[in-house]
Amino acid sequence: MDTATPLDTGARRSVNLALATWVSAINFWAWNMIGPLSPTYAGDLSLSSTEASMLVAAPILVGSIGRVVVGALTDRFGGRVMFVAVSLASILPVLAVGAAGAAGSYPLLLVFGFFLGVAGTIFAVGIPFANNWYEPARRGFATGVFGMGMVGTALSAFFTPRFVRWFGLLTTHVIVAVALAVTAAVCIAVMRNAPNFARNTDPVLPKLKVAAKLGVTWEMSFLYAVVFGGFMAFSNYLPTYITTIYGFSPVGAGARTAAFALAAVLARPVGGRCPTGPHPNTSY
């Protein structure tokens, strides 16, 4: 039986939300490892625009589709287990992408970039995890705060080219892999599921069939594809575009891409909170 006081519960959920946001950030950084370096890869490997686009698109595609599977697993095993699992599963693709880039192999970059999409599924873990910790009237704000974890896209755009210049390509990927491992260890030690979390062991396919019959499912999917999909497409392709059109270095292009991503990150909590004011049964 959970005997925690409201103050204890508030502190616990704040800690868990903050940690979940960080896990999202480091995984988004890993997910976006190719985008900031795509101008370098395009130049060094003499890639066409189509080849460079495919390289950038591979992780995004897998990260998007894989969320269906990871979301179902989160219902069954809980956010704590899945945060750890996704972070650990992303380590090998990060290292493999670094090794392929150092070896100058486009086919290997494409293959390992495909598996790098695992890191992008982290979003499907954090949304139900944050929802479980907060009452309905504050879930918009909570998921908005968790959504700030996509600041990892800005961090990657800004720091990845600089790390490559300071430490080298493979070492940069090792640094991110170590950060993922440390993050997973902290989740094991600190993170907890909400007291009201209940495992859902119902078969997934019947639930997917029911959802597919609802018009709102396709409407929301379309909006999400346009808005968030567009954001990810720009975040990943902007470094190549800026370098090609305006002649900036990878570092300069990364800084400008980071500014673009940061604006979206800061708007998330604002968008998540109900614009009509607080719910009458809450005190915030």
Protein backbone atom coordinates (compact mmCIF):
# COMPACT_ATOMS: atom_id res chain seq x y z
CA MET A 1 0.00 0.00 0.00
CA ASP A 2 1.32 3.45 -0.98
CA THR A 3 1.36 5.67 2.15
CA ALA A 4 3.12 8.64 0.55
CA THR A 5 1.79 12.09 1.41
CA PRO A 6 0.68 14.49 -1.36
CA LEU A 7 3.98 16.36 -0.92
CA ASP A 8 5.95 13.12 -1.31
CA THR A 9 3.94 12.19 -4.38
CA GLY A 10 4.48 15.62 -5.91
CA ALA A 11 8.23 15.37 -5.43
CA ARG A 12 8.34 11.83 -6.80
CA ARG A 13 6.40 12.67 -9.91
CA SER A 14 8.52 15.77 -10.54
CA VAL A 15 11.69 13.70 -10.29
CA ASN A 16 10.29 11.02 -12.59
CA LEU A 17 9.06 13.57 -15.13
CA ALA A 18 12.42 15.35 -15.14
CA LEU A 19 14.27 12.07 -15.57
CA ALA A 20 11.91 10.93 -18.33
CA THR A 21 12.52 14.24 -20.13
CA TRP A 22 16.27 13.70 -19.94
CA VAL A 23 15.96 10.11 -21.22
CA SER A 24 13.98 11.49 -24.15
CA ALA A 25 16.62 14.15 -24.80
CA ILE A 26 19.57 11.75 -24.93
CA ASN A 27 17.66 9.32 -27.13
CA PHE A 28 16.60 12.12 -29.47
CA TRP A 29 20.26 13.10 -29.65
CA ALA A 30 21.14 9.54 -30.62
CA TRP A 31 18.24 9.40 -33.11
CA ASN A 32 19.56 12.56 -34.79
CA MET A 33 23.23 11.55 -35.00
CA ILE A 34 23.23 11.33 -38.80
CA GLY A 35 21.42 14.58 -39.65
CA PRO A 36 24.06 17.07 -38.41
CA LEU A 37 26.82 15.04 -40.09
CA SER A 38 24.98 14.50 -43.36
CA PRO A 39 26.81 17.39 -45.11
CA THR A 40 30.12 15.79 -44.12
CA TYR A 41 29.00 12.36 -45.30
CA ALA A 42 27.62 13.82 -48.54
CA GLY A 43 30.93 15.53 -49.27
CA ASP A 44 33.28 12.76 -48.19
CA LEU A 45 31.29 9.98 -49.89
CA SER A 46 30.23 12.04 -52.96
CA LEU A 47 26.55 11.35 -52.30
CA SER A 48 23.76 12.58 -54.54
CA SER A 49 20.86 14.53 -53.04
CA THR A 50 18.73 11.39 -53.16
CA GLU A 51 21.35 9.29 -51.40
CA ALA A 52 21.84 11.92 -48.69
CA SER A 53 18.08 12.17 -48.19
CA MET A 54 17.75 8.40 -47.82
CA LEU A 55 20.51 8.42 -45.24
CA VAL A 56 18.70 11.04 -43.18
CA ALA A 57 15.26 9.46 -43.64
CA ALA A 58 16.10 5.89 -42.54
CA PRO A 59 16.20 6.53 -38.75
CA ILE A 60 13.07 8.71 -38.92
CA LEU A 61 11.06 6.03 -40.70
CA VAL A 62 11.93 3.29 -38.22
CA GLY A 63 11.52 5.60 -35.23
CA SER A 64 8.01 6.48 -36.37
CA ILE A 65 6.70 3.03 -37.23
CA GLY A 66 8.43 1.40 -34.27
CA ARG A 67 6.42 3.52 -31.85
CA VAL A 68 3.40 1.28 -32.41
CA VAL A 69 5.31 -1.72 -31.07
CA VAL A 70 7.07 0.16 -28.27
CA GLY A 71 3.82 1.80 -27.17
CA ALA A 72 2.18 -1.60 -26.80
CA LEU A 73 5.18 -2.91 -24.86
CA THR A 74 4.99 0.14 -22.57
CA ASP A 75 1.37 -0.72 -21.75
CA ARG A 76 2.49 -4.21 -20.80
CA PHE A 77 5.80 -3.65 -19.00
CA GLY A 78 5.66 -0.02 -17.88
CA GLY A 79 7.66 3.06 -18.70
CA ARG A 80 10.57 2.32 -16.38
CA VAL A 81 11.42 -0.97 -18.08
CA MET A 82 10.97 0.45 -21.56
CA PHE A 83 13.02 3.59 -20.92
CA VAL A 84 15.88 1.32 -19.91
CA ALA A 85 15.28 -1.10 -22.80
CA VAL A 86 15.16 1.58 -25.53
CA SER A 87 18.23 3.38 -24.16
CA LEU A 88 20.25 0.16 -24.04
CA ALA A 89 18.98 -0.99 -27.45
CA SER A 90 20.14 2.31 -28.98
CA ILE A 91 23.76 1.91 -27.89
CA LEU A 92 24.84 -0.62 -30.51
CA PRO A 93 23.29 1.27 -33.48
CA VAL A 94 24.99 4.48 -32.33
CA LEU A 95 28.37 2.75 -32.21
CA ALA A 96 27.71 0.96 -35.51
CA VAL A 97 26.82 4.22 -37.26
CA GLY A 98 30.03 5.77 -35.92
CA ALA A 99 32.09 2.82 -37.16
CA ALA A 100 30.40 2.90 -40.59
CA GLY A 101 30.99 6.63 -40.89
CA ALA A 102 34.64 6.26 -39.89
CA ALA A 103 35.01 3.48 -42.48
CA GLY A 104 33.38 5.66 -45.16
CA SER A 105 30.78 3.04 -46.10
CA TYR A 106 27.47 4.41 -47.39
CA PRO A 107 25.70 1.01 -47.46
CA LEU A 108 26.63 0.34 -43.83
CA LEU A 109 25.58 3.84 -42.81
CA LEU A 110 22.21 3.22 -44.43
CA VAL A 111 21.74 -0.16 -42.74
CA PHE A 112 22.89 0.92 -39.29
CA GLY A 113 20.99 4.20 -39.62
CA PHE A 114 17.86 2.10 -40.08
CA PHE A 115 18.43 0.47 -36.68
CA LEU A 116 19.28 3.85 -35.15
CA GLY A 117 15.56 4.55 -35.47
CA VAL A 118 15.05 2.51 -32.28
CA ALA A 119 16.05 5.60 -30.30
CA GLY A 120 13.19 7.55 -31.85
CA THR A 121 10.60 5.22 -30.35
CA ILE A 122 11.28 6.72 -26.90
CA PHE A 123 8.38 9.13 -27.37
CA ALA A 124 5.89 6.25 -27.19
CA VAL A 125 7.29 5.36 -23.78
CA GLY A 126 7.21 8.78 -22.20
CA ILE A 127 3.69 9.90 -23.05
CA PRO A 128 1.87 7.10 -21.14
CA PHE A 129 4.52 7.25 -18.41
CA ALA A 130 3.88 10.98 -17.83
CA ASN A 131 0.12 10.49 -18.08
CA ASN A 132 0.17 7.87 -15.34
CA TRP A 133 1.96 10.20 -12.94
CA TYR A 134 -0.43 13.17 -13.35
CA GLU A 135 -4.14 13.70 -12.92
CA PRO A 136 -6.12 14.35 -16.15
CA ALA A 137 -6.27 18.13 -15.68
CA ARG A 138 -2.45 18.38 -15.70
CA ARG A 139 -1.55 15.77 -18.27
CA GLY A 140 -1.30 18.26 -21.10
CA PHE A 141 1.32 20.22 -19.20
CA ALA A 142 3.12 17.05 -18.11
CA THR A 143 3.34 15.66 -21.62
CA GLY A 144 4.40 19.09 -22.83
CA VAL A 145 7.28 19.08 -20.37
CA PHE A 146 8.21 15.56 -21.43
CA GLY A 147 7.98 16.73 -25.04
CA MET A 148 10.78 19.17 -24.28
CA GLY A 149 13.00 16.11 -24.43
CA MET A 150 13.17 16.65 -28.16
CA VAL A 151 15.71 19.32 -27.24
CA GLY A 152 18.02 16.39 -27.91
CA THR A 153 17.55 17.24 -31.59
CA ALA A 154 18.91 20.73 -30.93
CA LEU A 155 21.72 19.37 -28.75
CA SER A 156 22.72 16.97 -31.48
CA ALA A 157 22.61 19.64 -34.18
CA PHE A 158 24.74 21.99 -32.09
CA PHE A 159 27.20 19.65 -30.37
CA THR A 160 27.65 16.66 -32.68
CA PRO A 161 29.63 18.53 -35.38
CA ARG A 162 31.68 20.22 -32.65
CA PHE A 163 32.39 16.92 -30.89
CA VAL A 164 33.53 15.46 -34.21
CA ARG A 165 35.90 18.38 -34.68
CA TRP A 166 37.21 18.13 -31.10
CA PHE A 167 37.31 14.37 -30.53
CA GLY A 168 36.83 12.64 -33.88
CA LEU A 169 33.89 10.87 -35.50
CA LEU A 170 34.01 7.49 -33.77
CA THR A 171 34.80 8.98 -30.34
CA THR A 172 31.77 11.26 -30.65
CA HIS A 173 29.53 8.24 -31.10
CA VAL A 174 31.20 6.50 -28.17
CA ILE A 175 30.42 9.53 -25.97
CA VAL A 176 26.74 9.39 -26.87
CA ALA A 177 26.68 5.62 -26.35
CA VAL A 178 28.19 6.05 -22.87
CA ALA A 179 25.59 8.74 -22.09
CA LEU A 180 22.86 6.28 -23.07
CA ALA A 181 24.33 3.60 -20.80
CA VAL A 182 24.63 5.99 -17.85
CA THR A 183 21.06 7.18 -18.43
CA ALA A 184 19.79 3.59 -18.39
CA ALA A 185 21.65 2.95 -15.13
CA VAL A 186 20.13 6.06 -13.52
CA CYS A 187 16.65 4.92 -14.62
CA ILE A 188 17.20 1.55 -12.96
CA ALA A 189 18.30 3.22 -9.73
CA VAL A 190 15.91 6.18 -9.54
CA MET A 191 12.94 5.90 -11.89
CA ARG A 192 9.67 4.33 -10.76
CA ASN A 193 6.33 3.77 -12.42
CA ALA A 194 3.35 5.72 -11.08
CA PRO A 195 1.55 4.04 -8.15
CA ASN A 196 -1.60 3.65 -10.26
CA PHE A 197 0.17 1.96 -13.17
CA ALA A 198 -1.51 -1.33 -14.13
CA ARG A 199 -0.14 -3.71 -16.73
CA ASN A 200 -2.31 -4.16 -19.79
CA THR A 201 -1.89 -7.68 -21.10
CA ASP A 202 -4.75 -7.62 -23.60
CA PRO A 203 -3.87 -8.71 -27.17
CA VAL A 204 -2.59 -5.80 -29.26
CA LEU A 205 -4.08 -6.58 -32.67
CA PRO A 206 -7.76 -6.31 -31.62
CA LYS A 207 -7.02 -2.91 -30.06
CA LEU A 208 -5.28 -1.75 -33.25
CA LYS A 209 -8.25 -2.88 -35.33
CA VAL A 210 -10.66 -0.91 -33.13
CA ALA A 211 -8.45 2.18 -33.30
CA ALA A 212 -8.17 1.88 -37.08
CA LYS A 213 -11.97 2.07 -37.37
CA LEU A 214 -12.10 5.45 -35.62
CA GLY A 215 -11.95 8.50 -37.85
CA VAL A 216 -10.19 10.52 -35.18
CA THR A 217 -7.27 8.04 -35.26
CA TRP A 218 -6.51 8.91 -38.88
CA GLU A 219 -7.16 12.61 -38.36
CA MET A 220 -4.71 12.80 -35.47
CA SER A 221 -2.19 10.63 -37.31
CA PHE A 222 -2.33 12.97 -40.30
CA LEU A 223 -1.86 16.07 -38.13
CA TYR A 224 0.99 14.41 -36.24
CA ALA A 225 2.66 13.39 -39.50
CA VAL A 226 2.46 16.92 -40.89
CA VAL A 227 3.46 18.79 -37.74
CA PHE A 228 5.91 16.55 -35.91
CA GLY A 229 6.98 14.72 -39.07
CA GLY A 230 7.68 18.05 -40.71
CA PHE A 231 9.67 19.18 -37.69
CA MET A 232 11.83 16.04 -37.74
CA ALA A 233 12.31 16.26 -41.50
CA PHE A 234 13.50 19.86 -41.26
CA SER A 235 15.65 19.16 -38.21
CA ASN A 236 17.46 16.34 -39.96
CA TYR A 237 17.73 17.82 -43.45
CA LEU A 238 18.40 21.48 -42.57
CA PRO A 239 22.16 20.94 -42.01
CA THR A 240 22.51 19.56 -45.54
CA TYR A 241 20.28 22.26 -46.99
CA ILE A 242 22.04 25.13 -45.22
CA THR A 243 25.47 23.80 -46.15
CA THR A 244 24.54 23.22 -49.78
CA ILE A 245 22.64 26.45 -50.41
CA TYR A 246 24.49 28.92 -48.19
CA GLY A 247 27.92 27.32 -47.89
CA PHE A 248 28.08 27.15 -44.08
CA SER A 249 30.41 24.71 -42.39
CA PRO A 250 28.83 21.70 -40.62
CA VAL A 251 29.34 23.52 -37.30
CA GLY A 252 27.65 26.69 -38.55
CA ALA A 253 24.79 24.75 -40.12
CA GLY A 254 24.34 22.78 -36.89
CA ALA A 255 24.09 25.95 -34.81
CA ARG A 256 21.35 27.33 -37.05
CA THR A 257 19.48 24.04 -37.04
CA ALA A 258 19.69 23.98 -33.24
CA ALA A 259 18.02 27.39 -33.08
CA PHE A 260 15.16 26.12 -35.23
CA ALA A 261 14.68 23.06 -33.00
CA LEU A 262 14.93 25.05 -29.78
CA ALA A 263 11.94 27.23 -30.67
CA ALA A 264 9.73 24.15 -30.98
CA VAL A 265 11.07 22.73 -27.73
CA LEU A 266 10.27 25.84 -25.68
CA ALA A 267 6.72 25.95 -27.06
CA ARG A 268 5.83 22.44 -25.92
CA PRO A 269 4.84 23.09 -22.27
CA VAL A 270 2.87 26.15 -23.36
CA GLY A 271 0.99 24.13 -25.95
CA GLY A 272 0.39 21.30 -23.51
CA ARG A 273 -1.28 23.43 -20.88
CA CYS A 274 -5.00 24.07 -21.37
CA PRO A 275 -5.40 27.59 -22.84
CA THR A 276 -8.67 28.18 -20.99
CA GLY A 277 -7.00 28.13 -17.60
CA PRO A 278 -6.71 25.60 -14.77
CA HIS A 279 -9.22 22.89 -14.22
CA PRO A 280 -11.62 23.82 -11.36
CA ASN A 281 -10.56 20.76 -9.36
CA THR A 282 -6.85 21.58 -9.42
CA SER A 283 -4.75 24.12 -7.62
CA TYR A 284 -2.19 25.20 -10.21
